[in-house]
Amino acid sequence: MANVVVVGAQWGDEGKGKIVDWLSERADVICRFQGGHNAGHTLVIDGEVFKLHALPSGVVRGGKLSIIGNGVVLDPWHLVSEIEAIRAQGVEITPDTLMIAENTPLILPFHGELDRARESQNSVARIGTTGRGIGPAYEDKVGRRVIRVADLADDATLQMRVDRALVHHNALRAGLGLDPIDRDDLLAQLRAIAPQILPYAGPVWKVLNEKRKAGHRILFEGAQGALLDIDFGTYPFVTSSNVIAGQAATGTGMGPGAIDYVLGIVKAYTTRVGEGPFPTELHDADGERLGERGHEFGTTTGRKRRCGWFDAALVRQTCAISGINGICLTKLDVLDGFETLKICTGYELDGQHYDYLPTAAEAQARCIPVYEEIEGWSESTEGARSWADLPAGAIKYVRRVEELIGCPVALLSTSPEREDTILVTDPFSD
């Protein structure tokens, strides 16, 4: 049985939540493998809106096991509040339906304080973080001073881990003008939250490998987008984890051979939240129109997203880096009514043509997009559920996108409703 990885192939906000929910009906296990609660997914099910940040999208589907893998950094207090909010919407979450990897790093209150202090005091170049402590938590993981879920089960170990973290953080805070961390208060908070988190803890790597051997279908759910990847994104305006498909293996304890299909989620235009280069960004009426029609506000931050034309050069690049087998093109309906559409095919920089985005940040900021124009369509694509429902102009646009990115369209999304989806190739097919 096929195991599928879903990744964003732009700067995030591509509509992964709906697609993961749509695919979860075909899966037995849904697993988050990176990121933190800085990434938001919005699901619309029978008119009910669910906003998820830490929880895998599969929790709203009965009879599925949802997993938070070790590649995630987890704020335990946020998780508990999110579970309570979802329960209030009628979704029951128990240790039978949710498992957290025992080796998952925790985001602690001082991580968020450090994140916000750095961003507010950075006079060189703001990164545009959400201020939720994701970056500092990943730093502590690499620095071997993070507290992990399993540490909550043993008080002596917990105290030792806290002391190690405070040696580093109190020195750092002094340099930023922040008060020292109250050790006793932090320990009290961790001891109080432990009984609410530990029932969900387990050896995720073992469970997933057993599920795979039993022939269960596993859906790996990524957060953010490939252009925010710590290695391959528009550095330093990136997230603090690897976002590309290969992280599904290391972020869960599954070997790379467990991945059978990689589905890249791609918006029919381009958006970005926060700072950083954006070659096709529009500062005109077309950009405003895309933002208004697409309701482009971040699920997590509420920040207005920057909007621009579809960048085929960037998506071609992310398809290669993530080994994407097929894409799901979302929000095609937002383009309805444009007389002319533009697609970026490459860039001009200092008299040279590039068919990819250069690595150097200075060069990225100066890249001038090279466009080709394509005729738009006046008919509506909203709610289309088959190719026959699409205008000829929309089909022509989709086919041109496929040609330019070198990757086929497997799914097409035409509204936030899960059933408004055109299936071309089932990623779970054997």
Protein backbone atom coordinates (compact mmCIF):
# COMPACT_ATOMS: atom_id res chain seq x y z
CA MET A 1 0.00 0.00 0.00
CA ALA A 2 1.29 3.46 -0.88
CA ASN A 3 2.55 5.89 1.76
CA VAL A 4 2.21 9.55 0.78
CA VAL A 5 4.10 12.68 1.84
CA VAL A 6 2.32 16.02 1.45
CA VAL A 7 4.53 19.10 1.31
CA GLY A 8 4.00 22.74 0.43
CA ALA A 9 5.92 23.69 -2.71
CA GLN A 10 5.88 27.47 -2.26
CA TRP A 11 6.14 29.71 0.85
CA GLY A 12 3.42 27.88 2.76
CA ASP A 13 -0.32 28.68 2.94
CA GLU A 14 -0.90 26.60 -0.20
CA GLY A 15 -4.00 24.85 1.15
CA LYS A 16 -2.38 21.73 2.60
CA GLY A 17 -4.98 21.38 5.37
CA LYS A 18 -7.88 20.71 3.03
CA ILE A 19 -5.87 18.30 0.88
CA VAL A 20 -4.51 16.35 3.85
CA ASP A 21 -8.06 16.12 5.17
CA TRP A 22 -9.26 14.97 1.74
CA LEU A 23 -6.51 12.34 1.52
CA SER A 24 -6.95 11.24 5.14
CA GLU A 25 -10.14 9.43 4.17
CA ARG A 26 -7.90 7.03 2.23
CA ALA A 27 -5.24 6.78 4.96
CA ASP A 28 -5.05 4.86 8.22
CA VAL A 29 -2.39 7.01 9.93
CA ILE A 30 -1.75 10.77 9.57
CA CYS A 31 1.61 12.02 10.81
CA ARG A 32 3.11 15.51 11.31
CA PHE A 33 6.88 15.36 10.75
CA GLN A 34 8.25 18.92 11.22
CA GLY A 35 7.49 22.46 12.29
CA GLY A 36 5.56 23.73 15.26
CA HIS A 37 2.38 25.64 16.04
CA ASN A 38 3.62 28.51 13.87
CA ALA A 39 1.99 26.70 10.94
CA GLY A 40 -1.79 26.84 10.70
CA HIS A 41 -4.16 24.62 8.73
CA THR A 42 -7.77 25.60 8.12
CA LEU A 43 -10.26 22.81 7.39
CA VAL A 44 -13.86 23.34 6.29
CA ILE A 45 -16.00 20.25 6.87
CA ASP A 46 -19.74 20.42 6.26
CA GLY A 47 -19.57 24.16 6.85
CA GLU A 48 -17.69 23.74 10.15
CA VAL A 49 -14.33 25.54 10.28
CA PHE A 50 -11.46 23.88 12.16
CA LYS A 51 -8.22 25.79 12.73
CA LEU A 52 -5.33 23.49 13.59
CA HIS A 53 -1.78 24.46 14.51
CA ALA A 54 -0.09 21.64 16.42
CA LEU A 55 -2.54 18.82 15.79
CA PRO A 56 -2.34 16.76 12.59
CA SER A 57 -5.22 17.42 10.19
CA GLY A 58 -6.40 13.83 10.57
CA VAL A 59 -7.76 14.39 14.09
CA VAL A 60 -11.07 15.61 12.70
CA ARG A 61 -11.60 12.25 10.96
CA GLY A 62 -12.87 9.39 13.12
CA GLY A 63 -11.09 6.05 13.15
CA LYS A 64 -7.65 7.43 12.25
CA LEU A 65 -4.45 7.49 14.27
CA SER A 66 -2.87 10.95 14.29
CA ILE A 67 0.82 11.24 15.15
CA ILE A 68 3.11 14.11 16.13
CA GLY A 69 6.60 13.03 15.10
CA ASN A 70 9.98 13.81 16.62
CA GLY A 71 10.75 16.32 13.86
CA VAL A 72 8.11 18.63 15.36
CA VAL A 73 8.81 21.05 18.22
CA LEU A 74 5.83 21.00 20.56
CA ASP A 75 4.42 23.64 22.91
CA PRO A 76 2.62 21.40 25.45
CA TRP A 77 0.42 24.20 26.81
CA HIS A 78 -0.70 25.18 23.34
CA LEU A 79 -1.40 21.54 22.48
CA VAL A 80 -3.64 21.08 25.52
CA SER A 81 -5.60 24.24 24.71
CA GLU A 82 -5.95 23.18 21.07
CA ILE A 83 -7.22 19.76 22.09
CA GLU A 84 -9.80 21.43 24.34
CA ALA A 85 -10.89 23.74 21.51
CA ILE A 86 -11.32 20.87 19.07
CA ARG A 87 -13.22 18.85 21.67
CA ALA A 88 -15.57 21.83 22.09
CA GLN A 89 -16.34 21.45 18.37
CA GLY A 90 -17.41 17.85 18.92
CA VAL A 91 -14.18 16.02 18.04
CA GLU A 92 -13.00 13.54 20.68
CA ILE A 93 -9.23 13.14 21.07
CA THR A 94 -7.80 10.30 23.16
CA PRO A 95 -4.50 8.37 23.40
CA ASP A 96 -6.10 5.88 21.01
CA THR A 97 -6.41 8.54 18.30
CA LEU A 98 -3.36 10.74 19.03
CA MET A 99 0.25 9.75 19.69
CA ILE A 100 3.26 11.99 20.38
CA ALA A 101 6.80 10.74 19.79
CA GLU A 102 8.63 10.36 23.10
CA ASN A 103 11.67 12.13 21.65
CA THR A 104 9.73 15.22 20.55
CA PRO A 105 11.42 18.46 21.75
CA LEU A 106 9.32 20.86 23.83
CA ILE A 107 8.84 24.58 23.30
CA LEU A 108 9.03 26.26 26.71
CA PRO A 109 7.81 29.74 27.70
CA PHE A 110 11.30 31.24 27.55
CA HIS A 111 11.67 30.16 23.92
CA GLY A 112 8.84 32.47 22.90
CA GLU A 113 10.22 35.31 25.02
CA LEU A 114 13.62 34.93 23.36
CA ASP A 115 12.06 34.76 19.89
CA ARG A 116 10.12 37.99 20.40
CA ALA A 117 13.00 39.81 22.09
CA ARG A 118 15.37 39.04 19.24
CA GLU A 119 12.90 40.12 16.59
CA SER A 120 12.07 43.40 18.35
CA GLN A 121 15.74 44.25 18.92
CA ASN A 122 17.02 43.21 15.52
CA SER A 123 18.13 46.40 13.81
CA VAL A 124 19.90 44.58 10.96
CA ALA A 125 17.22 42.51 9.24
CA ARG A 126 13.98 41.25 10.70
CA ILE A 127 13.23 37.63 9.83
CA GLY A 128 9.47 37.94 10.30
CA THR A 129 9.00 35.05 12.75
CA THR A 130 5.69 34.34 14.45
CA GLY A 131 7.36 34.85 17.85
CA ARG A 132 6.15 31.49 19.15
CA GLY A 133 9.55 30.07 20.09
CA ILE A 134 9.96 27.59 17.27
CA GLY A 135 13.45 28.77 16.23
CA PRO A 136 14.93 28.88 19.75
CA ALA A 137 13.50 25.40 20.48
CA TYR A 138 15.21 23.96 17.39
CA GLU A 139 18.42 25.72 18.45
CA ASP A 140 18.24 23.98 21.81
CA LYS A 141 17.62 20.65 20.10
CA VAL A 142 20.79 21.01 18.03
CA GLY A 143 22.62 22.39 21.10
CA ARG A 144 21.63 19.24 23.05
CA ARG A 145 19.94 21.14 25.84
CA VAL A 146 16.26 20.76 24.89
CA ILE A 147 13.69 19.09 27.13
CA ARG A 148 11.87 16.24 25.39
CA VAL A 149 8.51 14.63 26.06
CA ALA A 150 10.07 11.57 27.70
CA ASP A 151 11.88 13.80 30.21
CA LEU A 152 8.54 14.77 31.75
CA ALA A 153 8.19 11.24 33.14
CA ASP A 154 11.22 11.42 35.49
CA ASP A 155 11.63 14.36 37.85
CA ALA A 156 15.37 13.93 38.41
CA THR A 157 16.00 13.92 34.66
CA LEU A 158 13.66 16.88 34.22
CA GLN A 159 15.55 18.96 36.79
CA MET A 160 18.88 18.13 35.18
CA ARG A 161 17.58 19.11 31.73
CA VAL A 162 16.15 22.37 33.06
CA ASP A 163 19.44 23.27 34.77
CA ARG A 164 21.38 22.62 31.57
CA ALA A 165 19.01 24.82 29.56
CA LEU A 166 19.11 27.66 32.10
CA VAL A 167 22.91 27.90 32.07
CA HIS A 168 22.67 28.82 28.41
CA HIS A 169 19.48 30.86 28.42
CA ASN A 170 20.10 33.01 31.48
CA ALA A 171 23.42 34.17 30.01
CA LEU A 172 21.67 34.91 26.71
CA ARG A 173 18.83 36.75 28.42
CA ALA A 174 21.26 38.94 30.35
CA GLY A 175 22.69 40.15 27.06
CA LEU A 176 19.19 41.00 25.84
CA GLY A 177 18.21 42.78 29.05
CA LEU A 178 15.72 40.09 30.13
CA ASP A 179 15.24 38.86 33.69
CA PRO A 180 16.62 35.42 34.64
CA ILE A 181 14.25 32.46 34.31
CA ASP A 182 12.53 31.41 37.55
CA ARG A 183 13.68 27.79 37.85
CA ASP A 184 11.12 26.74 40.44
CA ASP A 185 8.24 28.28 38.53
CA LEU A 186 9.32 26.59 35.29
CA LEU A 187 9.59 23.21 37.00
CA ALA A 188 6.16 23.69 38.57
CA GLN A 189 4.66 24.43 35.14
CA LEU A 190 6.30 21.35 33.61
CA ARG A 191 5.19 19.08 36.45
CA ALA A 192 1.64 20.38 36.08
CA ILE A 193 1.47 19.84 32.31
CA ALA A 194 3.19 16.43 32.33
CA PRO A 195 0.07 14.35 33.26
CA GLN A 196 -1.82 15.97 30.38
CA ILE A 197 0.89 15.13 27.80
CA LEU A 198 2.41 11.81 28.87
CA PRO A 199 -0.68 9.65 28.16
CA TYR A 200 -0.19 10.44 24.47
CA ALA A 201 3.56 9.66 24.44
CA GLY A 202 4.87 6.56 22.70
CA PRO A 203 7.58 5.07 20.44
CA VAL A 204 6.31 6.53 17.19
CA TRP A 205 9.13 5.01 15.11
CA LYS A 206 8.11 1.52 16.29
CA VAL A 207 4.38 2.03 15.80
CA LEU A 208 4.83 3.45 12.30
CA ASN A 209 7.09 0.62 11.19
CA GLU A 210 4.61 -1.93 12.54
CA LYS A 211 1.76 -0.16 10.74
CA ARG A 212 3.73 -0.18 7.52
CA LYS A 213 4.48 -3.90 7.76
CA ALA A 214 0.78 -4.54 8.40
CA GLY A 215 -0.06 -2.79 5.11
CA HIS A 216 -1.58 0.35 6.59
CA ARG A 217 -1.55 3.52 4.54
CA ILE A 218 0.44 6.35 6.12
CA LEU A 219 -0.01 10.01 5.23
CA PHE A 220 2.89 12.29 6.20
CA GLU A 221 1.78 15.90 6.68
CA GLY A 222 4.27 18.73 6.28
CA ALA A 223 3.94 22.30 7.48
CA GLN A 224 5.02 25.57 5.86
CA GLY A 225 6.50 25.30 2.35
CA ALA A 226 9.71 24.23 0.65
CA LEU A 227 10.80 27.83 0.06
CA LEU A 228 10.95 28.22 3.85
CA ASP A 229 13.23 25.19 4.27
CA ILE A 230 16.24 25.92 6.50
CA ASP A 231 18.63 24.62 3.82
CA PHE A 232 16.86 25.22 0.51
CA GLY A 233 14.62 28.19 1.27
CA THR A 234 15.23 31.94 0.87
CA TYR A 235 17.70 32.03 3.78
CA PRO A 236 17.71 33.68 6.30
CA PHE A 237 13.99 34.41 5.80
CA VAL A 238 13.07 30.79 6.46
CA THR A 239 11.71 28.54 9.18
CA SER A 240 14.00 26.59 11.53
CA SER A 241 13.38 23.08 10.22
CA ASN A 242 13.70 21.08 7.04
CA VAL A 243 10.37 21.31 5.24
CA ILE A 244 11.08 19.19 2.16
CA ALA A 245 9.86 15.61 1.72
CA GLY A 246 13.05 13.94 2.92
CA GLN A 247 12.30 15.22 6.43
CA ALA A 248 9.32 12.85 6.61
CA ALA A 249 11.78 10.00 7.16
CA THR A 250 13.96 11.59 9.86
CA GLY A 251 11.06 13.43 11.48
CA THR A 252 9.19 10.21 12.25
CA GLY A 253 11.72 7.38 12.41
CA MET A 254 10.68 5.81 9.12
CA GLY A 255 13.30 4.97 6.51
CA PRO A 256 13.30 6.80 3.15
CA GLY A 257 12.11 3.59 1.49
CA ALA A 258 8.76 4.01 3.24
CA ILE A 259 7.90 6.98 1.01
CA ASP A 260 6.05 5.92 -2.12
CA TYR A 261 4.61 9.19 -3.42
CA VAL A 262 5.30 12.89 -2.79
CA LEU A 263 2.44 15.29 -3.40
CA GLY A 264 3.34 18.97 -3.64
CA ILE A 265 0.64 21.51 -2.83
CA VAL A 266 0.84 24.54 -5.11
CA LYS A 267 -1.34 27.63 -5.19
CA ALA A 268 -2.39 28.82 -8.67
CA TYR A 269 -0.66 32.11 -7.86
CA THR A 270 2.01 32.93 -5.26
CA THR A 271 1.82 34.31 -1.71
CA ARG A 272 4.22 34.95 1.11
CA VAL A 273 3.89 36.06 4.75
CA GLY A 274 6.62 38.05 6.45
CA GLU A 275 9.96 39.29 5.20
CA GLY A 276 12.18 38.07 2.39
CA PRO A 277 12.55 38.12 -1.41
CA PHE A 278 9.48 37.61 -3.58
CA PRO A 279 10.27 38.15 -7.29
CA THR A 280 6.67 38.10 -8.59
CA GLU A 281 5.13 40.21 -5.81
CA LEU A 282 2.49 42.66 -7.04
CA HIS A 283 1.97 46.10 -5.52
CA ASP A 284 -0.92 47.02 -7.80
CA ALA A 285 -4.63 46.39 -8.27
CA ASP A 286 -3.99 42.83 -9.48
CA GLY A 287 -2.15 42.04 -6.25
CA GLU A 288 -4.97 43.51 -4.18
CA ARG A 289 -7.50 41.53 -6.17
CA LEU A 290 -5.66 38.27 -5.59
CA GLY A 291 -5.46 38.98 -1.86
CA GLU A 292 -9.13 39.92 -1.52
CA ARG A 293 -10.50 37.07 -3.60
CA GLY A 294 -8.15 34.55 -1.99
CA HIS A 295 -8.84 35.79 1.59
CA GLU A 296 -5.09 35.95 2.06
CA PHE A 297 -4.61 36.29 5.79
CA GLY A 298 -2.43 33.93 7.84
CA THR A 299 -4.22 31.24 9.89
CA THR A 300 -1.73 31.60 12.73
CA THR A 301 -0.87 35.30 12.74
CA GLY A 302 -3.71 36.98 10.86
CA ARG A 303 -1.05 38.86 8.92
CA LYS A 304 -1.93 39.95 5.40
CA ARG A 305 -0.13 37.82 2.83
CA ARG A 306 1.88 39.34 0.01
CA CYS A 307 0.50 38.26 -3.38
CA GLY A 308 1.95 37.81 -6.84
CA TRP A 309 1.76 35.89 -10.10
CA PHE A 310 2.55 32.17 -10.29
CA ASP A 311 6.30 31.54 -10.23
CA ALA A 312 6.96 28.42 -12.30
CA ALA A 313 10.73 28.72 -11.90
CA LEU A 314 10.46 28.45 -8.12
CA VAL A 315 7.98 25.56 -8.19
CA ARG A 316 10.13 23.71 -10.74
CA GLN A 317 12.99 24.08 -8.27
CA THR A 318 11.01 22.83 -5.24
CA CYS A 319 9.60 19.90 -7.22
CA ALA A 320 13.17 18.75 -7.89
CA ILE A 321 14.41 19.24 -4.31
CA SER A 322 11.46 17.40 -2.74
CA GLY A 323 11.23 14.69 -5.41
CA ILE A 324 7.61 15.62 -6.05
CA ASN A 325 5.69 13.06 -8.12
CA GLY A 326 2.59 15.17 -8.67
CA ILE A 327 1.09 18.46 -7.57
CA CYS A 328 -2.25 19.58 -6.24
CA LEU A 329 -3.08 22.96 -7.73
CA THR A 330 -5.24 24.97 -5.31
CA LYS A 331 -7.27 28.19 -5.46
CA LEU A 332 -7.67 28.11 -9.23
CA ASP A 333 -11.02 29.89 -8.76
CA VAL A 334 -9.23 33.02 -7.46
CA LEU A 335 -7.98 33.60 -11.01
CA ASP A 336 -11.52 33.66 -12.47
CA GLY A 337 -12.24 36.87 -14.37
CA PHE A 338 -8.69 38.04 -15.07
CA GLU A 339 -8.40 39.04 -18.73
CA THR A 340 -4.68 38.24 -18.79
CA LEU A 341 -2.58 36.13 -16.45
CA LYS A 342 1.17 36.07 -16.08
CA ILE A 343 3.49 33.16 -15.26
CA CYS A 344 7.13 33.67 -14.26
CA THR A 345 9.41 31.36 -16.24
CA GLY A 346 12.80 32.58 -14.99
CA TYR A 347 14.75 35.67 -13.93
CA GLU A 348 17.08 38.33 -15.25
CA LEU A 349 19.98 39.42 -13.08
CA ASP A 350 22.85 41.65 -14.18
CA GLY A 351 22.22 40.83 -17.82
CA GLN A 352 22.15 37.06 -17.22
CA HIS A 353 19.14 34.75 -17.48
CA TYR A 354 18.45 32.25 -14.69
CA ASP A 355 15.95 29.39 -14.83
CA TYR A 356 16.21 29.03 -11.04
CA LEU A 357 16.43 31.38 -8.05
CA PRO A 358 20.10 31.99 -7.13
CA THR A 359 21.19 31.05 -3.61
CA ALA A 360 22.78 34.33 -2.49
CA ALA A 361 20.29 36.52 -0.60
CA GLU A 362 21.58 39.68 -2.27
CA ALA A 363 21.04 38.17 -5.72
CA GLN A 364 17.59 36.88 -4.83
CA ALA A 365 16.51 40.37 -3.81
CA ARG A 366 17.51 41.79 -7.21
CA CYS A 367 16.08 39.09 -9.49
CA ILE A 368 13.68 40.49 -12.10
CA PRO A 369 10.96 38.01 -13.14
CA VAL A 370 10.62 37.03 -16.80
CA TYR A 371 6.95 36.57 -17.63
CA GLU A 372 4.92 34.92 -20.29
CA GLU A 373 1.31 36.01 -20.65
CA ILE A 374 -1.63 33.67 -21.00
CA GLU A 375 -5.23 34.53 -21.76
CA GLY A 376 -7.58 34.36 -18.79
CA TRP A 377 -11.18 33.17 -18.60
CA SER A 378 -14.43 34.84 -17.66
CA GLU A 379 -16.35 31.75 -16.53
CA SER A 380 -16.33 30.49 -12.92
CA THR A 381 -14.26 27.50 -11.83
CA GLU A 382 -15.47 27.63 -8.23
CA GLY A 383 -16.80 24.29 -7.07
CA ALA A 384 -15.78 22.39 -10.21
CA ARG A 385 -15.45 18.65 -9.59
CA SER A 386 -14.43 17.39 -13.05
CA TRP A 387 -12.42 18.56 -16.05
CA ALA A 388 -15.69 18.94 -17.92
CA ASP A 389 -16.71 21.66 -15.44
CA LEU A 390 -13.65 23.79 -16.22
CA PRO A 391 -13.51 26.55 -18.85
CA ALA A 392 -11.12 25.92 -21.75
CA GLY A 393 -8.96 28.86 -20.60
CA ALA A 394 -8.53 27.35 -17.14
CA ILE A 395 -7.53 23.98 -18.58
CA LYS A 396 -5.01 25.70 -20.83
CA TYR A 397 -3.54 27.50 -17.79
CA VAL A 398 -3.25 24.25 -15.81
CA ARG A 399 -1.56 22.45 -18.72
CA ARG A 400 0.91 25.28 -19.17
CA VAL A 401 1.78 25.17 -15.46
CA GLU A 402 2.46 21.42 -15.80
CA GLU A 403 4.79 22.03 -18.75
CA LEU A 404 6.73 24.79 -17.04
CA ILE A 405 7.28 23.03 -13.71
CA GLY A 406 7.95 19.62 -15.27
CA CYS A 407 5.47 17.87 -13.00
CA PRO A 408 1.90 16.62 -13.59
CA VAL A 409 -1.21 17.81 -11.78
CA ALA A 410 -2.60 14.98 -9.67
CA LEU A 411 -5.34 16.97 -7.94
CA LEU A 412 -7.09 20.26 -8.53
CA SER A 413 -8.84 22.21 -5.75
CA THR A 414 -11.55 24.70 -6.71
CA SER A 415 -12.86 25.88 -3.30
CA PRO A 416 -12.19 25.39 0.44
CA GLU A 417 -14.85 22.62 0.56
CA ARG A 418 -13.20 19.20 0.57
CA GLU A 419 -15.49 17.74 -2.12
CA ASP A 420 -14.69 20.52 -4.59
CA THR A 421 -11.64 18.58 -5.75
CA ILE A 422 -10.81 17.10 -9.14
CA LEU A 423 -8.88 13.83 -8.88
CA VAL A 424 -6.55 13.10 -11.79
CA THR A 425 -4.18 10.61 -10.14
CA ASP A 426 -4.78 9.01 -6.73
CA PRO A 427 -1.50 9.29 -4.76
CA PHE A 428 -2.52 6.22 -2.76
CA SER A 429 -2.97 3.99 -5.80
CA ASP A 430 -0.58 1.05 -5.89
